[in-house]
Amino acid sequence: MGGQAEGRGPKRANGVREAEILALLQRTEGALTPGEVVERLGGELSYSSVVTILTRMHTKGLLGRVSRGRAFAYAPVTDDAGFAARRMHTVLEDQPDRETVLARFADELSDTDAELLRQLLGPDQ
């Protein structure tokens, strides 16, 4: 089979497919049903594969969904900056010594980023 499903493109890792679908949804105004995602991907994935990926992404909290007819329509819960912030928060949550992690993070910031962070934290900082 050589890594290809009949009539489909090369097999890709789930994370790559999720990223492709997330990027598609972020470029779209409003939520899309699995059928609309399949259509916009040019038939690159089967309907059932898209449903599986969208469901997993919803379970992970990456997508919200609303009922539309007999299907759900999916949309990202935040933008790229929001997803980056969520990843940073997740990494921090996984560490027992938050103070050390934050101190090391702050030590490695550029002067410009450190000043921006001071401004974002407020005038008392």
C-alpha atoms as a PDB file:
ATOM      1  CA  MET A   1       0.000   0.000   0.000  1.00  0.00           C
ATOM      2  CA  GLY A   2       3.030   2.263   0.479  1.00  0.00           C
ATOM      3  CA  GLY A   3       1.490   4.622   3.055  1.00  0.00           C
ATOM      4  CA  GLN A   4      -1.388   5.630   0.787  1.00  0.00           C
ATOM      5  CA  ALA A   5      -5.023   4.733   0.998  1.00  0.00           C
ATOM      6  CA  GLU A   6      -6.662   4.025  -2.329  1.00  0.00           C
ATOM      7  CA  GLY A   7      -7.736   7.304  -3.923  1.00  0.00           C
ATOM      8  CA  ARG A   8      -6.267   9.377  -1.115  1.00  0.00           C
ATOM      9  CA  GLY A   9      -3.054  11.304  -0.562  1.00  0.00           C
ATOM     10  CA  PRO A  10      -0.107  10.101   1.537  1.00  0.00           C
ATOM     11  CA  LYS A  11      -0.843   9.091   5.127  1.00  0.00           C
ATOM     12  CA  ARG A  12       0.006  11.813   7.644  1.00  0.00           C
ATOM     13  CA  ALA A  13       0.228  11.811  11.423  1.00  0.00           C
ATOM     14  CA  ASN A  14      -2.937  12.753  13.322  1.00  0.00           C
ATOM     15  CA  GLY A  15      -1.301  15.908  14.685  1.00  0.00           C
ATOM     16  CA  VAL A  16      -0.585  17.085  11.145  1.00  0.00           C
ATOM     17  CA  ARG A  17      -4.177  16.440  10.090  1.00  0.00           C
ATOM     18  CA  GLU A  18      -5.464  18.234  13.199  1.00  0.00           C
ATOM     19  CA  ALA A  19      -3.255  21.221  12.412  1.00  0.00           C
ATOM     20  CA  GLU A  20      -4.524  21.317   8.812  1.00  0.00           C
ATOM     21  CA  ILE A  21      -8.146  21.185   9.908  1.00  0.00           C
ATOM     22  CA  LEU A  22      -7.591  23.753  12.668  1.00  0.00           C
ATOM     23  CA  ALA A  23      -5.970  26.123  10.156  1.00  0.00           C
ATOM     24  CA  LEU A  24      -8.905  25.610   7.792  1.00  0.00           C
ATOM     25  CA  LEU A  25     -11.421  26.352  10.546  1.00  0.00           C
ATOM     26  CA  GLN A  26      -9.489  29.443  11.661  1.00  0.00           C
ATOM     27  CA  ARG A  27      -9.624  30.848   8.115  1.00  0.00           C
ATOM     28  CA  THR A  28     -13.368  30.299   7.944  1.00  0.00           C
ATOM     29  CA  GLU A  29     -16.105  32.605   9.160  1.00  0.00           C
ATOM     30  CA  GLY A  30     -18.398  30.536  11.355  1.00  0.00           C
ATOM     31  CA  ALA A  31     -18.531  26.845  12.116  1.00  0.00           C
ATOM     32  CA  LEU A  32     -18.238  24.033   9.544  1.00  0.00           C
ATOM     33  CA  THR A  33     -19.843  20.608   9.453  1.00  0.00           C
ATOM     34  CA  PRO A  34     -17.681  17.548   8.734  1.00  0.00           C
ATOM     35  CA  GLY A  35     -19.085  17.472   5.189  1.00  0.00           C
ATOM     36  CA  GLU A  36     -18.040  21.087   4.629  1.00  0.00           C
ATOM     37  CA  VAL A  37     -14.559  20.306   5.954  1.00  0.00           C
ATOM     38  CA  VAL A  38     -14.262  17.328   3.575  1.00  0.00           C
ATOM     39  CA  GLU A  39     -15.354  19.541   0.689  1.00  0.00           C
ATOM     40  CA  ARG A  40     -12.890  22.321   1.525  1.00  0.00           C
ATOM     41  CA  LEU A  41     -10.065  19.797   1.864  1.00  0.00           C
ATOM     42  CA  GLY A  42     -10.838  18.675  -1.675  1.00  0.00           C
ATOM     43  CA  GLY A  43     -11.847  15.152  -0.697  1.00  0.00           C
ATOM     44  CA  GLU A  44      -8.376  14.482   0.697  1.00  0.00           C
ATOM     45  CA  LEU A  45      -9.912  12.718   3.721  1.00  0.00           C
ATOM     46  CA  SER A  46     -12.985  10.543   4.060  1.00  0.00           C
ATOM     47  CA  TYR A  47     -16.046  11.852   5.877  1.00  0.00           C
ATOM     48  CA  SER A  48     -15.586   9.350   8.710  1.00  0.00           C
ATOM     49  CA  SER A  49     -11.934  10.369   9.158  1.00  0.00           C
ATOM     50  CA  VAL A  50     -12.929  14.029   9.400  1.00  0.00           C
ATOM     51  CA  VAL A  51     -15.662  13.217  11.934  1.00  0.00           C
ATOM     52  CA  THR A  52     -13.124  11.302  14.033  1.00  0.00           C
ATOM     53  CA  ILE A  53     -10.569  14.128  13.919  1.00  0.00           C
ATOM     54  CA  LEU A  54     -13.153  16.823  14.715  1.00  0.00           C
ATOM     55  CA  THR A  55     -14.546  14.775  17.602  1.00  0.00           C
ATOM     56  CA  ARG A  56     -11.065  14.271  19.068  1.00  0.00           C
ATOM     57  CA  MET A  57     -10.293  17.969  18.726  1.00  0.00           C
ATOM     58  CA  HIS A  58     -13.581  18.815  20.458  1.00  0.00           C
ATOM     59  CA  THR A  59     -12.750  16.390  23.283  1.00  0.00           C
ATOM     60  CA  LYS A  60      -9.338  18.088  23.683  1.00  0.00           C
ATOM     61  CA  GLY A  61     -11.066  21.453  24.027  1.00  0.00           C
ATOM     62  CA  LEU A  62      -9.680  22.846  20.763  1.00  0.00           C
ATOM     63  CA  LEU A  63     -13.061  23.148  19.067  1.00  0.00           C
ATOM     64  CA  GLY A  64     -16.536  24.132  20.101  1.00  0.00           C
ATOM     65  CA  ARG A  65     -19.545  22.677  18.317  1.00  0.00           C
ATOM     66  CA  VAL A  66     -23.151  23.509  17.680  1.00  0.00           C
ATOM     67  CA  SER A  67     -25.919  21.374  16.295  1.00  0.00           C
ATOM     68  CA  ARG A  68     -26.700  22.063  12.642  1.00  0.00           C
ATOM     69  CA  GLY A  69     -29.380  19.819  11.228  1.00  0.00           C
ATOM     70  CA  ARG A  70     -28.338  16.209  11.715  1.00  0.00           C
ATOM     71  CA  ALA A  71     -24.653  17.073  12.203  1.00  0.00           C
ATOM     72  CA  PHE A  72     -22.488  19.212  14.413  1.00  0.00           C
ATOM     73  CA  ALA A  73     -20.690  22.263  13.075  1.00  0.00           C
ATOM     74  CA  TYR A  74     -17.258  22.952  14.575  1.00  0.00           C
ATOM     75  CA  ALA A  75     -15.254  26.135  15.178  1.00  0.00           C
ATOM     76  CA  PRO A  76     -12.017  26.895  17.053  1.00  0.00           C
ATOM     77  CA  VAL A  77     -12.453  28.040  20.638  1.00  0.00           C
ATOM     78  CA  THR A  78      -9.670  30.639  20.282  1.00  0.00           C
ATOM     79  CA  ASP A  79      -7.113  32.081  17.856  1.00  0.00           C
ATOM     80  CA  ASP A  80      -3.419  31.173  17.379  1.00  0.00           C
ATOM     81  CA  ALA A  81      -2.285  33.379  20.262  1.00  0.00           C
ATOM     82  CA  GLY A  82      -4.887  31.798  22.528  1.00  0.00           C
ATOM     83  CA  PHE A  83      -3.739  28.298  21.610  1.00  0.00           C
ATOM     84  CA  ALA A  84      -0.101  29.237  22.263  1.00  0.00           C
ATOM     85  CA  ALA A  85      -1.065  30.656  25.658  1.00  0.00           C
ATOM     86  CA  ARG A  86      -2.976  27.451  26.474  1.00  0.00           C
ATOM     87  CA  ARG A  87       0.098  25.350  25.591  1.00  0.00           C
ATOM     88  CA  MET A  88       2.303  27.517  27.806  1.00  0.00           C
ATOM     89  CA  HIS A  89      -0.201  27.202  30.647  1.00  0.00           C
ATOM     90  CA  THR A  90      -0.329  23.409  30.215  1.00  0.00           C
ATOM     91  CA  VAL A  91       3.461  23.155  30.404  1.00  0.00           C
ATOM     92  CA  LEU A  92       3.485  25.284  33.548  1.00  0.00           C
ATOM     93  CA  GLU A  93       0.723  23.201  35.143  1.00  0.00           C
ATOM     94  CA  ASP A  94       2.762  20.030  34.596  1.00  0.00           C
ATOM     95  CA  GLN A  95       5.738  21.335  36.616  1.00  0.00           C
ATOM     96  CA  PRO A  96       5.895  21.005  40.410  1.00  0.00           C
ATOM     97  CA  ASP A  97       8.175  24.058  40.835  1.00  0.00           C
ATOM     98  CA  ARG A  98       6.282  26.813  39.036  1.00  0.00           C
ATOM     99  CA  GLU A  99       8.449  29.570  40.520  1.00  0.00           C
ATOM    100  CA  THR A 100      11.649  28.131  39.032  1.00  0.00           C
ATOM    101  CA  VAL A 101      10.016  27.531  35.654  1.00  0.00           C
ATOM    102  CA  LEU A 102       8.679  31.090  35.523  1.00  0.00           C
ATOM    103  CA  ALA A 103      12.017  32.516  36.684  1.00  0.00           C
ATOM    104  CA  ARG A 104      13.904  30.636  33.972  1.00  0.00           C
ATOM    105  CA  PHE A 105      11.337  31.697  31.387  1.00  0.00           C
ATOM    106  CA  ALA A 106      11.687  35.338  32.432  1.00  0.00           C
ATOM    107  CA  ASP A 107      15.504  35.100  32.411  1.00  0.00           C
ATOM    108  CA  GLU A 108      15.441  33.999  28.778  1.00  0.00           C
ATOM    109  CA  LEU A 109      13.121  36.765  27.549  1.00  0.00           C
ATOM    110  CA  SER A 110      14.567  39.440  25.311  1.00  0.00           C
ATOM    111  CA  ASP A 111      14.649  42.941  26.787  1.00  0.00           C
ATOM    112  CA  THR A 112      11.759  43.883  24.498  1.00  0.00           C
ATOM    113  CA  ASP A 113       9.626  40.922  25.574  1.00  0.00           C
ATOM    114  CA  ALA A 114      10.449  41.490  29.245  1.00  0.00           C
ATOM    115  CA  GLU A 115       9.312  45.112  28.950  1.00  0.00           C
ATOM    116  CA  LEU A 116       6.130  44.025  27.161  1.00  0.00           C
ATOM    117  CA  LEU A 117       5.404  41.508  29.919  1.00  0.00           C
ATOM    118  CA  ARG A 118       5.916  44.235  32.561  1.00  0.00           C
ATOM    119  CA  GLN A 119       3.425  46.440  30.729  1.00  0.00           C
ATOM    120  CA  LEU A 120       0.894  43.620  30.467  1.00  0.00           C
ATOM    121  CA  LEU A 121       1.195  42.825  34.178  1.00  0.00           C
ATOM    122  CA  GLY A 122       0.334  46.424  35.046  1.00  0.00           C
ATOM    123  CA  PRO A 123       1.885  49.522  36.564  1.00  0.00           C
ATOM    124  CA  ASP A 124       2.622  47.936  39.952  1.00  0.00           C
ATOM    125  CA  GLN A 125       5.218  45.620  38.451  1.00  0.00           C
END
